[in-house]
């Protein structure tokens, strides 16, 4: 999927792996975009009955504050309205 995460499906279980363990998987604007895209893929795939999220030894340290500061300086907004098409998930997330 990307350098930030990988999404695989095995026997009806989606596995969303965060792939920046050296940085403790911080979330950034790009991370959120890819995260929502992965969950959207899972929701649209009738073969996916559940999604497990994992980050290895570090699930996530939280927000990438340095990255957020840089994005805000470039004019990014703290919130996005681009995900309003998503509905409540029908796929259980673990």
Protein backbone atom coordinates (compact mmCIF):
# COMPACT_ATOMS: atom_id res chain seq x y z
CA UNK A 1 0.00 0.00 0.00
CA UNK A 2 2.70 2.51 1.00
CA UNK A 3 5.76 3.08 3.11
CA UNK A 4 3.47 4.00 6.05
CA UNK A 5 1.27 0.92 6.16
CA UNK A 6 0.40 -2.32 4.41
CA UNK A 7 -3.02 -3.95 4.09
CA UNK A 8 -3.41 -7.68 3.43
CA UNK A 9 -6.40 -10.02 3.58
CA UNK A 10 -6.09 -13.61 4.75
CA UNK A 11 -9.12 -15.89 5.22
CA UNK A 12 -11.54 -12.99 5.56
CA UNK A 13 -9.36 -11.07 8.03
CA UNK A 14 -7.81 -7.80 6.92
CA UNK A 15 -4.48 -7.02 8.57
CA UNK A 16 -3.44 -3.38 8.55
CA UNK A 17 0.25 -3.15 9.48
CA UNK A 18 1.81 0.19 10.33
CA UNK A 19 5.32 0.06 8.89
CA UNK A 20 7.35 2.77 10.60
CA UNK A 21 8.40 1.03 13.83
CA UNK A 22 11.71 2.93 13.99
CA UNK A 23 9.62 6.12 14.32
CA UNK A 24 7.01 4.35 16.48
CA UNK A 25 4.37 4.70 13.76
CA UNK A 26 3.39 8.34 14.23
CA UNK A 27 0.31 9.54 12.41
CA UNK A 28 0.55 12.39 9.96
CA UNK A 29 -1.79 13.83 7.36
CA UNK A 30 -0.48 11.28 4.84
CA UNK A 31 -0.91 8.51 7.42
CA UNK A 32 -4.53 9.50 8.05
CA UNK A 33 -5.24 9.59 4.30
CA UNK A 34 -3.77 6.11 3.82
CA UNK A 35 -5.44 4.78 6.97
CA UNK A 36 -8.87 5.93 5.81
CA UNK A 37 -8.19 4.56 2.32
CA UNK A 38 -7.28 1.14 3.77
CA UNK A 39 -10.42 1.05 5.91
CA UNK A 40 -12.46 2.10 2.88
CA UNK A 41 -10.97 -0.82 0.90
CA UNK A 42 -11.86 -3.18 3.75
CA UNK A 43 -15.39 -1.85 3.98
CA UNK A 44 -15.98 -2.30 0.24
CA UNK A 45 -14.57 -5.86 0.17
CA UNK A 46 -17.32 -8.36 1.05
CA UNK A 47 -14.65 -10.99 1.76
CA UNK A 48 -13.30 -8.96 4.71
CA UNK A 49 -15.15 -9.87 7.90
CA UNK A 50 -12.82 -8.12 10.37
CA UNK A 51 -9.74 -5.89 10.38
CA UNK A 52 -6.80 -6.23 12.79
CA UNK A 53 -4.46 -3.26 13.15
CA UNK A 54 -0.90 -3.76 14.30
CA UNK A 55 2.27 -1.73 14.51
CA UNK A 56 4.74 -4.33 15.68
CA UNK A 57 6.33 -3.36 18.98
CA UNK A 58 4.83 0.13 18.75
CA UNK A 59 1.21 0.53 17.71
CA UNK A 60 1.50 4.32 17.43
CA UNK A 61 3.19 7.08 19.37
CA UNK A 62 0.45 9.52 18.36
CA UNK A 63 0.69 12.57 16.16
CA UNK A 64 3.83 13.51 14.26
CA UNK A 65 4.12 16.97 15.82
CA UNK A 66 7.13 18.02 13.74
CA UNK A 67 5.37 16.89 10.58
CA UNK A 68 2.12 18.63 11.59
CA UNK A 69 3.97 21.90 12.20
CA UNK A 70 5.52 21.67 8.75
CA UNK A 71 2.17 20.89 7.09
CA UNK A 72 0.38 23.72 8.91
CA UNK A 73 3.15 26.13 7.85
CA UNK A 74 2.39 25.11 4.25
CA UNK A 75 -1.28 25.93 4.77
CA UNK A 76 -2.75 22.54 5.65
CA UNK A 77 -5.86 22.48 7.79
CA UNK A 78 -5.99 20.56 11.03
CA UNK A 79 -9.18 18.82 9.95
CA UNK A 80 -10.43 17.45 6.69
CA UNK A 81 -13.90 17.13 5.21
CA UNK A 82 -12.79 14.74 2.47
CA UNK A 83 -13.90 11.65 4.42
CA UNK A 84 -17.56 12.54 4.75
CA UNK A 85 -18.47 9.79 2.24
CA UNK A 86 -17.60 7.10 4.80
CA UNK A 87 -20.43 5.53 6.72
CA UNK A 88 -20.33 3.66 9.98
CA UNK A 89 -18.26 0.54 9.37
CA UNK A 90 -19.98 -2.74 8.74
CA UNK A 91 -16.66 -4.53 9.20
CA UNK A 92 -15.51 -5.04 12.80
CA UNK A 93 -12.15 -3.45 13.58
CA UNK A 94 -9.89 -4.93 16.25
